[in-house]
Amino acid sequence: MSRRTPWSLLSVAALGAAALTGCDTTAEDVEQGADQVQQELEQGTDQLQEGADQVQQEVEEGAGQLQEGADQLQQEVEQGVEDVQGGDG
C-alpha cells in the first residue's frame, strides 16, 4: 500500500467531487489548488512563528525591565532604611 500525503488525498477527493458534479476541473487544476493551499498554510505557519518569536522577545525584555525596576526599588528601600537608622543615631 502506498503512503499518500494529505494533499494528494485532497487532490483525489477533489477530482472525485468534480467527476460526480460534471465539473471540468482537471487534475492539474486540483494539484495547483492543493499546492496553493499548502503554500498559504506554510506562510501562515511562518507568520505565526514570527509572531511568537516577537512576543517571546518582548516578554523577555519586559522581564528584564521588571527586574531592573525591582533592583532599583530594593536599593531605594535599603537607602531609606539606612537614612532612617542614621537619623536615629
N, C-alpha and C. Protein backbone atom coordinates (compact mmCIF):
# COMPACT_ATOMS: atom_id res chain seq x y z
N MET A 1 0.85 -1.18 0.00
CA MET A 1 0.00 0.00 0.00
C MET A 1 0.89 1.24 0.00
N SER A 2 0.58 2.16 -0.89
CA SER A 2 1.41 3.37 -0.96
C SER A 2 0.93 4.37 0.07
N ARG A 3 1.86 5.16 0.52
CA ARG A 3 1.55 6.20 1.51
C ARG A 3 1.23 7.49 0.77
N ARG A 4 0.08 8.09 1.08
CA ARG A 4 -0.33 9.33 0.43
C ARG A 4 -0.26 10.47 1.42
N THR A 5 0.14 11.62 0.93
CA THR A 5 0.14 12.81 1.77
C THR A 5 -1.27 13.34 1.85
N PRO A 6 -1.56 14.15 2.86
CA PRO A 6 -2.91 14.74 2.92
C PRO A 6 -3.25 15.54 1.66
N TRP A 7 -2.24 16.13 1.03
CA TRP A 7 -2.51 16.94 -0.15
C TRP A 7 -2.89 16.07 -1.34
N SER A 8 -2.25 14.90 -1.48
CA SER A 8 -2.65 14.04 -2.59
C SER A 8 -4.03 13.45 -2.33
N LEU A 9 -4.36 13.18 -1.07
CA LEU A 9 -5.71 12.72 -0.75
C LEU A 9 -6.73 13.81 -1.07
N LEU A 10 -6.36 15.04 -0.78
CA LEU A 10 -7.23 16.17 -1.11
C LEU A 10 -7.43 16.26 -2.62
N SER A 11 -6.38 16.05 -3.37
CA SER A 11 -6.47 16.09 -4.83
C SER A 11 -7.40 15.01 -5.34
N VAL A 12 -7.26 13.80 -4.81
CA VAL A 12 -8.10 12.69 -5.25
C VAL A 12 -9.56 12.97 -4.90
N ALA A 13 -9.79 13.48 -3.69
CA ALA A 13 -11.15 13.79 -3.27
C ALA A 13 -11.75 14.88 -4.15
N ALA A 14 -10.98 15.90 -4.47
CA ALA A 14 -11.47 16.99 -5.31
C ALA A 14 -11.77 16.49 -6.72
N LEU A 15 -10.93 15.62 -7.25
CA LEU A 15 -11.19 15.05 -8.58
C LEU A 15 -12.47 14.22 -8.58
N GLY A 16 -12.65 13.45 -7.51
CA GLY A 16 -13.87 12.64 -7.40
C GLY A 16 -15.10 13.51 -7.35
N ALA A 17 -15.04 14.59 -6.57
CA ALA A 17 -16.17 15.50 -6.47
C ALA A 17 -16.43 16.18 -7.82
N ALA A 18 -15.36 16.54 -8.51
CA ALA A 18 -15.50 17.18 -9.81
C ALA A 18 -16.15 16.23 -10.81
N ALA A 19 -15.75 14.96 -10.77
CA ALA A 19 -16.32 13.98 -11.69
C ALA A 19 -17.80 13.75 -11.40
N LEU A 20 -18.17 13.72 -10.15
CA LEU A 20 -19.56 13.49 -9.77
C LEU A 20 -20.46 14.66 -10.15
N THR A 21 -19.92 15.85 -10.09
CA THR A 21 -20.73 17.04 -10.38
C THR A 21 -20.66 17.47 -11.84
N GLY A 22 -19.86 16.77 -12.62
CA GLY A 22 -19.74 17.12 -14.03
C GLY A 22 -18.85 18.32 -14.27
N CYS A 23 -18.09 18.69 -13.29
CA CYS A 23 -17.19 19.84 -13.40
C CYS A 23 -16.03 19.46 -14.30
N ASP A 24 -15.53 20.42 -15.05
CA ASP A 24 -14.42 20.14 -15.96
C ASP A 24 -13.06 20.47 -15.35
N THR A 25 -12.97 20.39 -14.03
CA THR A 25 -11.71 20.65 -13.34
C THR A 25 -10.73 19.52 -13.65
N THR A 26 -9.53 19.90 -14.03
CA THR A 26 -8.52 18.90 -14.38
C THR A 26 -7.69 18.55 -13.15
N ALA A 27 -6.95 17.46 -13.27
CA ALA A 27 -6.06 17.05 -12.19
C ALA A 27 -5.02 18.13 -11.93
N GLU A 28 -4.59 18.80 -12.99
CA GLU A 28 -3.61 19.87 -12.84
C GLU A 28 -4.19 21.03 -12.03
N ASP A 29 -5.47 21.37 -12.30
CA ASP A 29 -6.12 22.44 -11.53
C ASP A 29 -6.20 22.09 -10.06
N VAL A 30 -6.57 20.85 -9.80
CA VAL A 30 -6.68 20.40 -8.41
C VAL A 30 -5.31 20.42 -7.74
N GLU A 31 -4.32 19.96 -8.46
CA GLU A 31 -2.95 19.94 -7.92
C GLU A 31 -2.49 21.36 -7.61
N GLN A 32 -2.76 22.30 -8.53
CA GLN A 32 -2.38 23.69 -8.29
C GLN A 32 -3.12 24.26 -7.08
N GLY A 33 -4.38 23.93 -6.96
CA GLY A 33 -5.16 24.39 -5.80
C GLY A 33 -4.61 23.84 -4.51
N ALA A 34 -4.26 22.55 -4.51
CA ALA A 34 -3.69 21.93 -3.32
C ALA A 34 -2.34 22.54 -2.98
N ASP A 35 -1.54 22.80 -4.01
CA ASP A 35 -0.23 23.44 -3.79
C ASP A 35 -0.41 24.83 -3.20
N GLN A 36 -1.40 25.56 -3.71
CA GLN A 36 -1.65 26.91 -3.20
C GLN A 36 -2.09 26.87 -1.73
N VAL A 37 -2.96 25.93 -1.41
CA VAL A 37 -3.41 25.79 -0.01
C VAL A 37 -2.23 25.45 0.88
N GLN A 38 -1.37 24.54 0.43
CA GLN A 38 -0.21 24.16 1.22
C GLN A 38 0.74 25.34 1.40
N GLN A 39 0.95 26.11 0.34
CA GLN A 39 1.83 27.28 0.42
C GLN A 39 1.27 28.31 1.40
N GLU A 40 -0.04 28.55 1.34
CA GLU A 40 -0.66 29.50 2.26
C GLU A 40 -0.58 29.01 3.70
N LEU A 41 -0.72 27.72 3.88
CA LEU A 41 -0.59 27.14 5.22
C LEU A 41 0.83 27.33 5.75
N GLU A 42 1.81 27.09 4.90
CA GLU A 42 3.21 27.27 5.31
C GLU A 42 3.50 28.74 5.62
N GLN A 43 2.96 29.65 4.81
CA GLN A 43 3.15 31.08 5.07
C GLN A 43 2.50 31.47 6.39
N GLY A 44 1.31 30.95 6.63
CA GLY A 44 0.63 31.23 7.90
C GLY A 44 1.41 30.69 9.08
N THR A 45 1.98 29.51 8.91
CA THR A 45 2.79 28.92 9.98
C THR A 45 4.03 29.77 10.24
N ASP A 46 4.67 30.25 9.16
CA ASP A 46 5.84 31.12 9.31
C ASP A 46 5.48 32.41 10.03
N GLN A 47 4.34 33.01 9.64
CA GLN A 47 3.91 34.25 10.28
C GLN A 47 3.59 34.03 11.75
N LEU A 48 2.97 32.90 12.04
CA LEU A 48 2.66 32.58 13.43
C LEU A 48 3.93 32.42 14.25
N GLN A 49 4.95 31.75 13.67
CA GLN A 49 6.21 31.57 14.37
C GLN A 49 6.91 32.90 14.59
N GLU A 50 6.88 33.77 13.57
CA GLU A 50 7.49 35.10 13.72
C GLU A 50 6.79 35.89 14.83
N GLY A 51 5.47 35.81 14.85
CA GLY A 51 4.72 36.49 15.91
C GLY A 51 5.05 35.95 17.28
N ALA A 52 5.16 34.63 17.38
CA ALA A 52 5.50 34.01 18.66
C ALA A 52 6.91 34.41 19.10
N ASP A 53 7.84 34.47 18.14
CA ASP A 53 9.20 34.90 18.47
C ASP A 53 9.22 36.34 18.96
N GLN A 54 8.44 37.19 18.31
CA GLN A 54 8.39 38.59 18.71
C GLN A 54 7.79 38.74 20.11
N VAL A 55 6.72 38.01 20.37
CA VAL A 55 6.10 38.06 21.70
C VAL A 55 7.09 37.58 22.76
N GLN A 56 7.80 36.49 22.45
CA GLN A 56 8.77 35.97 23.41
C GLN A 56 9.86 37.01 23.70
N GLN A 57 10.34 37.69 22.66
CA GLN A 57 11.36 38.71 22.83
C GLN A 57 10.83 39.85 23.70
N GLU A 58 9.59 40.26 23.43
CA GLU A 58 9.01 41.35 24.20
C GLU A 58 8.81 40.95 25.67
N VAL A 59 8.43 39.72 25.90
CA VAL A 59 8.27 39.23 27.27
C VAL A 59 9.62 39.22 27.98
N GLU A 60 10.65 38.76 27.29
CA GLU A 60 11.98 38.74 27.90
C GLU A 60 12.47 40.14 28.21
N GLU A 61 12.22 41.08 27.29
CA GLU A 61 12.61 42.47 27.53
C GLU A 61 11.83 43.04 28.71
N GLY A 62 10.54 42.74 28.76
CA GLY A 62 9.70 43.21 29.87
C GLY A 62 10.16 42.63 31.19
N ALA A 63 10.54 41.36 31.18
CA ALA A 63 11.03 40.72 32.40
C ALA A 63 12.33 41.37 32.85
N GLY A 64 13.18 41.71 31.91
CA GLY A 64 14.43 42.39 32.25
C GLY A 64 14.18 43.76 32.85
N GLN A 65 13.24 44.50 32.26
CA GLN A 65 12.90 45.82 32.79
C GLN A 65 12.27 45.71 34.17
N LEU A 66 11.44 44.70 34.36
CA LEU A 66 10.82 44.47 35.67
C LEU A 66 11.88 44.16 36.72
N GLN A 67 12.87 43.36 36.35
CA GLN A 67 13.94 43.02 37.28
C GLN A 67 14.77 44.26 37.62
N GLU A 68 15.03 45.08 36.62
CA GLU A 68 15.78 46.32 36.87
C GLU A 68 15.00 47.23 37.82
N GLY A 69 13.69 47.32 37.60
CA GLY A 69 12.85 48.14 38.47
C GLY A 69 12.83 47.59 39.89
N ALA A 70 12.76 46.29 40.03
CA ALA A 70 12.76 45.67 41.36
C ALA A 70 14.10 45.91 42.06
N ASP A 71 15.18 45.79 41.31
CA ASP A 71 16.51 46.04 41.90
C ASP A 71 16.63 47.49 42.35
N GLN A 72 16.15 48.42 41.51
CA GLN A 72 16.22 49.83 41.87
C GLN A 72 15.36 50.12 43.10
N LEU A 73 14.17 49.53 43.16
CA LEU A 73 13.29 49.73 44.31
C LEU A 73 13.93 49.18 45.58
N GLN A 74 14.54 48.01 45.47
CA GLN A 74 15.20 47.42 46.64
C GLN A 74 16.34 48.32 47.11
N GLN A 75 17.09 48.87 46.17
CA GLN A 75 18.19 49.76 46.52
C GLN A 75 17.67 51.01 47.21
N GLU A 76 16.56 51.56 46.70
CA GLU A 76 15.98 52.75 47.32
C GLU A 76 15.45 52.47 48.72
N VAL A 77 14.84 51.29 48.90
CA VAL A 77 14.36 50.91 50.23
C VAL A 77 15.53 50.77 51.19
N GLU A 78 16.58 50.11 50.76
CA GLU A 78 17.75 49.94 51.62
C GLU A 78 18.36 51.29 51.97
N GLN A 79 18.40 52.21 51.00
CA GLN A 79 18.94 53.54 51.26
C GLN A 79 18.04 54.27 52.25
N GLY A 80 16.73 54.12 52.09
CA GLY A 80 15.78 54.75 53.03
C GLY A 80 15.96 54.21 54.44
N VAL A 81 16.16 52.90 54.55
CA VAL A 81 16.38 52.30 55.88
C VAL A 81 17.65 52.83 56.50
N GLU A 82 18.70 52.96 55.70
CA GLU A 82 19.97 53.49 56.21
C GLU A 82 19.79 54.95 56.65
N ASP A 83 19.02 55.71 55.88
CA ASP A 83 18.79 57.11 56.22
C ASP A 83 18.03 57.21 57.54
N VAL A 84 17.02 56.36 57.72
CA VAL A 84 16.24 56.37 58.97
C VAL A 84 17.10 55.94 60.13
N GLN A 85 17.89 54.90 59.96
CA GLN A 85 18.77 54.44 61.05
C GLN A 85 19.84 55.47 61.36
N GLY A 86 20.34 56.14 60.35
CA GLY A 86 21.35 57.19 60.56
C GLY A 86 20.76 58.38 61.26
N GLY A 87 19.49 58.68 61.04
CA GLY A 87 18.83 59.80 61.68
C GLY A 87 18.54 59.54 63.14
N ASP A 88 18.47 58.30 63.57
CA ASP A 88 18.21 57.94 64.95
C ASP A 88 19.46 58.11 65.81
N GLY A 89 20.61 58.02 65.18
CA GLY A 89 21.85 57.98 65.94
C GLY A 89 22.40 59.27 66.26
